[in-house]
Amino acid sequence: MSTTTLKLPEALKERITSAAEAAGKSPHAFMVEAIAAQTALAERRAAFVSAAHTAEQEVAEY
């Protein structure tokens, strides 16, 4: 596993710590899950946009 340094505003760090504690997780695990979820969302959106462009081209050719 590689290491990445994040500079977080103190208020966000406090929110992460509180949310992680409430979820029974470490702040690290909480952030990894949050980043993974946001990455998956961005990938799904990109796939959707790509499919929409393909469909638009197919309709235009029809």
PDB file of N, CA and C in Angstrom:
ATOM      1  N   MET A   1       0.853  -1.179   0.000  1.00  0.00           N
ATOM      2  CA  MET A   1       0.000   0.000   0.000  1.00  0.00           C
ATOM      3  C   MET A   1       0.892   1.232   0.000  1.00  0.00           C
ATOM      4  N   SER A   2       0.582   2.166  -0.857  1.00  0.00           N
ATOM      5  CA  SER A   2       1.380   3.390  -0.920  1.00  0.00           C
ATOM      6  C   SER A   2       0.892   4.400   0.115  1.00  0.00           C
ATOM      7  N   THR A   3       1.722   5.368   0.386  1.00  0.00           N
ATOM      8  CA  THR A   3       1.400   6.409   1.353  1.00  0.00           C
ATOM      9  C   THR A   3       1.173   7.719   0.620  1.00  0.00           C
ATOM     10  N   THR A   4       0.107   8.419   0.991  1.00  0.00           N
ATOM     11  CA  THR A   4      -0.205   9.730   0.437  1.00  0.00           C
ATOM     12  C   THR A   4      -0.470  10.675   1.595  1.00  0.00           C
ATOM     13  N   THR A   5       0.034  11.865   1.505  1.00  0.00           N
ATOM     14  CA  THR A   5      -0.186  12.859   2.547  1.00  0.00           C
ATOM     15  C   THR A   5      -1.310  13.791   2.107  1.00  0.00           C
ATOM     16  N   LEU A   6      -2.265  13.995   2.996  1.00  0.00           N
ATOM     17  CA  LEU A   6      -3.362  14.930   2.736  1.00  0.00           C
ATOM     18  C   LEU A   6      -3.281  16.072   3.734  1.00  0.00           C
ATOM     19  N   LYS A   7      -3.431  17.276   3.252  1.00  0.00           N
ATOM     20  CA  LYS A   7      -3.510  18.432   4.137  1.00  0.00           C
ATOM     21  C   LYS A   7      -4.990  18.766   4.278  1.00  0.00           C
ATOM     22  N   LEU A   8      -5.504  18.573   5.474  1.00  0.00           N
ATOM     23  CA  LEU A   8      -6.927  18.782   5.729  1.00  0.00           C
ATOM     24  C   LEU A   8      -7.132  20.009   6.607  1.00  0.00           C
ATOM     25  N   PRO A   9      -8.164  20.776   6.318  1.00  0.00           N
ATOM     26  CA  PRO A   9      -8.526  21.839   7.254  1.00  0.00           C
ATOM     27  C   PRO A   9      -8.861  21.204   8.609  1.00  0.00           C
ATOM     28  N   GLU A  10      -8.506  21.878   9.678  1.00  0.00           N
ATOM     29  CA  GLU A  10      -8.705  21.323  11.020  1.00  0.00           C
ATOM     30  C   GLU A  10     -10.165  20.950  11.264  1.00  0.00           C
ATOM     31  N   ALA A  11     -11.083  21.790  10.796  1.00  0.00           N
ATOM     32  CA  ALA A  11     -12.508  21.506  11.003  1.00  0.00           C
ATOM     33  C   ALA A  11     -12.914  20.209  10.310  1.00  0.00           C
ATOM     34  N   LEU A  12     -12.401  19.961   9.113  1.00  0.00           N
ATOM     35  CA  LEU A  12     -12.722  18.723   8.407  1.00  0.00           C
ATOM     36  C   LEU A  12     -12.121  17.528   9.131  1.00  0.00           C
ATOM     37  N   LYS A  13     -10.901  17.677   9.599  1.00  0.00           N
ATOM     38  CA  LYS A  13     -10.254  16.591  10.343  1.00  0.00           C
ATOM     39  C   LYS A  13     -11.083  16.216  11.572  1.00  0.00           C
ATOM     40  N   GLU A  14     -11.589  17.214  12.267  1.00  0.00           N
ATOM     41  CA  GLU A  14     -12.425  16.961  13.443  1.00  0.00           C
ATOM     42  C   GLU A  14     -13.717  16.244  13.049  1.00  0.00           C
ATOM     43  N   ARG A  15     -14.322  16.651  11.934  1.00  0.00           N
ATOM     44  CA  ARG A  15     -15.550  15.997  11.464  1.00  0.00           C
ATOM     45  C   ARG A  15     -15.279  14.548  11.103  1.00  0.00           C
ATOM     46  N   ILE A  16     -14.149  14.299  10.439  1.00  0.00           N
ATOM     47  CA  ILE A  16     -13.784  12.931  10.065  1.00  0.00           C
ATOM     48  C   ILE A  16     -13.587  12.084  11.313  1.00  0.00           C
ATOM     49  N   THR A  17     -12.870  12.625  12.284  1.00  0.00           N
ATOM     50  CA  THR A  17     -12.621  11.887  13.522  1.00  0.00           C
ATOM     51  C   THR A  17     -13.932  11.539  14.217  1.00  0.00           C
ATOM     52  N   SER A  18     -14.838  12.488  14.309  1.00  0.00           N
ATOM     53  CA  SER A  18     -16.139  12.241  14.950  1.00  0.00           C
ATOM     54  C   SER A  18     -16.954  11.214  14.182  1.00  0.00           C
ATOM     55  N   ALA A  19     -17.003  11.358  12.872  1.00  0.00           N
ATOM     56  CA  ALA A  19     -17.777  10.419  12.052  1.00  0.00           C
ATOM     57  C   ALA A  19     -17.176   9.022  12.115  1.00  0.00           C
ATOM     58  N   ALA A  20     -15.864   8.939  12.107  1.00  0.00           N
ATOM     59  CA  ALA A  20     -15.200   7.636  12.187  1.00  0.00           C
ATOM     60  C   ALA A  20     -15.494   6.963  13.520  1.00  0.00           C
ATOM     61  N   GLU A  21     -15.412   7.721  14.594  1.00  0.00           N
ATOM     62  CA  GLU A  21     -15.718   7.164  15.916  1.00  0.00           C
ATOM     63  C   GLU A  21     -17.154   6.656  15.966  1.00  0.00           C
ATOM     64  N   ALA A  22     -18.084   7.429  15.423  1.00  0.00           N
ATOM     65  CA  ALA A  22     -19.493   7.022  15.416  1.00  0.00           C
ATOM     66  C   ALA A  22     -19.701   5.750  14.604  1.00  0.00           C
ATOM     67  N   ALA A  23     -18.882   5.561  13.575  1.00  0.00           N
ATOM     68  CA  ALA A  23     -18.993   4.374  12.723  1.00  0.00           C
ATOM     69  C   ALA A  23     -18.159   3.207  13.250  1.00  0.00           C
ATOM     70  N   GLY A  24     -17.434   3.436  14.333  1.00  0.00           N
ATOM     71  CA  GLY A  24     -16.602   2.380  14.897  1.00  0.00           C
ATOM     72  C   GLY A  24     -15.378   2.071  14.045  1.00  0.00           C
ATOM     73  N   LYS A  25     -14.857   3.100  13.380  1.00  0.00           N
ATOM     74  CA  LYS A  25     -13.715   2.927  12.482  1.00  0.00           C
ATOM     75  C   LYS A  25     -12.616   3.905  12.854  1.00  0.00           C
ATOM     76  N   SER A  26     -11.436   3.625  12.369  1.00  0.00           N
ATOM     77  CA  SER A  26     -10.350   4.592  12.528  1.00  0.00           C
ATOM     78  C   SER A  26     -10.555   5.710  11.507  1.00  0.00           C
ATOM     79  N   PRO A  27     -10.015   6.890  11.783  1.00  0.00           N
ATOM     80  CA  PRO A  27     -10.107   7.951  10.783  1.00  0.00           C
ATOM     81  C   PRO A  27      -9.498   7.523   9.449  1.00  0.00           C
ATOM     82  N   HIS A  28      -8.412   6.762   9.496  1.00  0.00           N
ATOM     83  CA  HIS A  28      -7.786   6.279   8.264  1.00  0.00           C
ATOM     84  C   HIS A  28      -8.763   5.416   7.468  1.00  0.00           C
ATOM     85  N   ALA A  29      -9.367   4.424   8.121  1.00  0.00           N
ATOM     86  CA  ALA A  29     -10.312   3.536   7.431  1.00  0.00           C
ATOM     87  C   ALA A  29     -11.493   4.329   6.887  1.00  0.00           C
ATOM     88  N   PHE A  30     -11.968   5.292   7.662  1.00  0.00           N
ATOM     89  CA  PHE A  30     -13.092   6.118   7.232  1.00  0.00           C
ATOM     90  C   PHE A  30     -12.743   6.892   5.964  1.00  0.00           C
ATOM     91  N   MET A  31     -11.549   7.499   5.948  1.00  0.00           N
ATOM     92  CA  MET A  31     -11.134   8.272   4.772  1.00  0.00           C
ATOM     93  C   MET A  31     -10.909   7.378   3.560  1.00  0.00           C
ATOM     94  N   VAL A  32     -10.314   6.201   3.760  1.00  0.00           N
ATOM     95  CA  VAL A  32     -10.096   5.285   2.638  1.00  0.00           C
ATOM     96  C   VAL A  32     -11.437   4.880   2.033  1.00  0.00           C
ATOM     97  N   GLU A  33     -12.410   4.545   2.880  1.00  0.00           N
ATOM     98  CA  GLU A  33     -13.738   4.173   2.377  1.00  0.00           C
ATOM     99  C   GLU A  33     -14.402   5.343   1.654  1.00  0.00           C
ATOM    100  N   ALA A  34     -14.272   6.544   2.196  1.00  0.00           N
ATOM    101  CA  ALA A  34     -14.881   7.723   1.569  1.00  0.00           C
ATOM    102  C   ALA A  34     -14.253   8.004   0.205  1.00  0.00           C
ATOM    103  N   ILE A  35     -12.941   7.890   0.121  1.00  0.00           N
ATOM    104  CA  ILE A  35     -12.257   8.128  -1.155  1.00  0.00           C
ATOM    105  C   ILE A  35     -12.636   7.054  -2.163  1.00  0.00           C
ATOM    106  N   ALA A  36     -12.707   5.802  -1.714  1.00  0.00           N
ATOM    107  CA  ALA A  36     -13.095   4.709  -2.617  1.00  0.00           C
ATOM    108  C   ALA A  36     -14.517   4.915  -3.135  1.00  0.00           C
ATOM    109  N   ALA A  37     -15.424   5.328  -2.260  1.00  0.00           N
ATOM    110  CA  ALA A  37     -16.813   5.551  -2.670  1.00  0.00           C
ATOM    111  C   ALA A  37     -16.908   6.700  -3.674  1.00  0.00           C
ATOM    112  N   GLN A  38     -16.196   7.784  -3.432  1.00  0.00           N
ATOM    113  CA  GLN A  38     -16.239   8.933  -4.345  1.00  0.00           C
ATOM    114  C   GLN A  38     -15.609   8.586  -5.686  1.00  0.00           C
ATOM    115  N   THR A  39     -14.550   7.779  -5.658  1.00  0.00           N
ATOM    116  CA  THR A  39     -13.908   7.342  -6.898  1.00  0.00           C
ATOM    117  C   THR A  39     -14.858   6.482  -7.715  1.00  0.00           C
ATOM    118  N   ALA A  40     -15.549   5.555  -7.057  1.00  0.00           N
ATOM    119  CA  ALA A  40     -16.521   4.704  -7.754  1.00  0.00           C
ATOM    120  C   ALA A  40     -17.637   5.553  -8.357  1.00  0.00           C
ATOM    121  N   LEU A  41     -18.094   6.556  -7.623  1.00  0.00           N
ATOM    122  CA  LEU A  41     -19.136   7.451  -8.128  1.00  0.00           C
ATOM    123  C   LEU A  41     -18.653   8.202  -9.371  1.00  0.00           C
ATOM    124  N   ALA A  42     -17.436   8.711  -9.331  1.00  0.00           N
ATOM    125  CA  ALA A  42     -16.881   9.432 -10.481  1.00  0.00           C
ATOM    126  C   ALA A  42     -16.739   8.509 -11.687  1.00  0.00           C
ATOM    127  N   GLU A  43     -16.328   7.267 -11.450  1.00  0.00           N
ATOM    128  CA  GLU A  43     -16.196   6.303 -12.546  1.00  0.00           C
ATOM    129  C   GLU A  43     -17.554   5.964 -13.153  1.00  0.00           C
ATOM    130  N   ARG A  44     -18.575   5.789 -12.301  1.00  0.00           N
ATOM    131  CA  ARG A  44     -19.926   5.503 -12.815  1.00  0.00           C
ATOM    132  C   ARG A  44     -20.451   6.689 -13.620  1.00  0.00           C
ATOM    133  N   ARG A  45     -20.191   7.892 -13.136  1.00  0.00           N
ATOM    134  CA  ARG A  45     -20.642   9.084 -13.864  1.00  0.00           C
ATOM    135  C   ARG A  45     -19.949   9.164 -15.221  1.00  0.00           C
ATOM    136  N   ALA A  46     -18.663   8.911 -15.260  1.00  0.00           N
ATOM    137  CA  ALA A  46     -17.924   8.950 -16.528  1.00  0.00           C
ATOM    138  C   ALA A  46     -18.462   7.904 -17.492  1.00  0.00           C
ATOM    139  N   ALA A  47     -18.780   6.715 -16.997  1.00  0.00           N
ATOM    140  CA  ALA A  47     -19.339   5.665 -17.854  1.00  0.00           C
ATOM    141  C   ALA A  47     -20.712   6.080 -18.373  1.00  0.00           C
ATOM    142  N   PHE A  48     -21.519   6.710 -17.516  1.00  0.00           N
ATOM    143  CA  PHE A  48     -22.839   7.178 -17.918  1.00  0.00           C
ATOM    144  C   PHE A  48     -22.730   8.239 -19.009  1.00  0.00           C
ATOM    145  N   VAL A  49     -21.835   9.196 -18.813  1.00  0.00           N
ATOM    146  CA  VAL A  49     -21.649  10.266 -19.802  1.00  0.00           C
ATOM    147  C   VAL A  49     -21.169   9.681 -21.123  1.00  0.00           C
ATOM    148  N   SER A  50     -20.259   8.726 -21.062  1.00  0.00           N
ATOM    149  CA  SER A  50     -19.763   8.081 -22.278  1.00  0.00           C
ATOM    150  C   SER A  50     -20.897   7.363 -23.009  1.00  0.00           C
ATOM    151  N   ALA A  51     -21.721   6.637 -22.261  1.00  0.00           N
ATOM    152  CA  ALA A  51     -22.851   5.928 -22.870  1.00  0.00           C
ATOM    153  C   ALA A  51     -23.849   6.919 -23.467  1.00  0.00           C
ATOM    154  N   ALA A  52     -24.052   8.046 -22.793  1.00  0.00           N
ATOM    155  CA  ALA A  52     -24.973   9.062 -23.304  1.00  0.00           C
ATOM    156  C   ALA A  52     -24.459   9.660 -24.611  1.00  0.00           C
ATOM    157  N   HIS A  53     -23.162   9.912 -24.681  1.00  0.00           N
ATOM    158  CA  HIS A  53     -22.587  10.445 -25.925  1.00  0.00           C
ATOM    159  C   HIS A  53     -22.715   9.434 -27.059  1.00  0.00           C
ATOM    160  N   THR A  54     -22.476   8.174 -26.753  1.00  0.00           N
ATOM    161  CA  THR A  54     -22.612   7.125 -27.768  1.00  0.00           C
ATOM    162  C   THR A  54     -24.051   7.052 -28.257  1.00  0.00           C
ATOM    163  N   ALA A  55     -25.004   7.080 -27.332  1.00  0.00           N
ATOM    164  CA  ALA A  55     -26.415   7.025 -27.700  1.00  0.00           C
ATOM    165  C   ALA A  55     -26.808   8.243 -28.527  1.00  0.00           C
ATOM    166  N   GLU A  56     -26.298   9.401 -28.154  1.00  0.00           N
ATOM    167  CA  GLU A  56     -26.601  10.625 -28.898  1.00  0.00           C
ATOM    168  C   GLU A  56     -26.087  10.521 -30.337  1.00  0.00           C
ATOM    169  N   GLN A  57     -24.899   9.981 -30.502  1.00  0.00           N
ATOM    170  CA  GLN A  57     -24.341   9.802 -31.846  1.00  0.00           C
ATOM    171  C   GLN A  57     -25.172   8.811 -32.656  1.00  0.00           C
ATOM    172  N   GLU A  58     -25.611   7.734 -32.009  1.00  0.00           N
ATOM    173  CA  GLU A  58     -26.428   6.736 -32.705  1.00  0.00           C
ATOM    174  C   GLU A  58     -27.754   7.331 -33.151  1.00  0.00           C
ATOM    175  N   VAL A  59     -28.360   8.145 -32.299  1.00  0.00           N
ATOM    176  CA  VAL A  59     -29.627   8.787 -32.646  1.00  0.00           C
ATOM    177  C   VAL A  59     -29.404   9.776 -33.788  1.00  0.00           C
ATOM    178  N   ALA A  60     -28.322  10.511 -33.747  1.00  0.00           N
ATOM    179  CA  ALA A  60     -28.030  11.489 -34.798  1.00  0.00           C
ATOM    180  C   ALA A  60     -27.817  10.808 -36.142  1.00  0.00           C
ATOM    181  N   GLU A  61     -27.256   9.612 -36.125  1.00  0.00           N
ATOM    182  CA  GLU A  61     -27.022   8.869 -37.363  1.00  0.00           C
ATOM    183  C   GLU A  61     -28.296   8.234 -37.890  1.00  0.00           C
ATOM    184  N   TYR A  62     -29.272   8.053 -37.042  1.00  0.00           N
ATOM    185  CA  TYR A  62     -30.523   7.415 -37.427  1.00  0.00           C
ATOM    186  C   TYR A  62     -31.323   8.376 -38.236  1.00  0.00           C
TER     187      TYR A  62
END
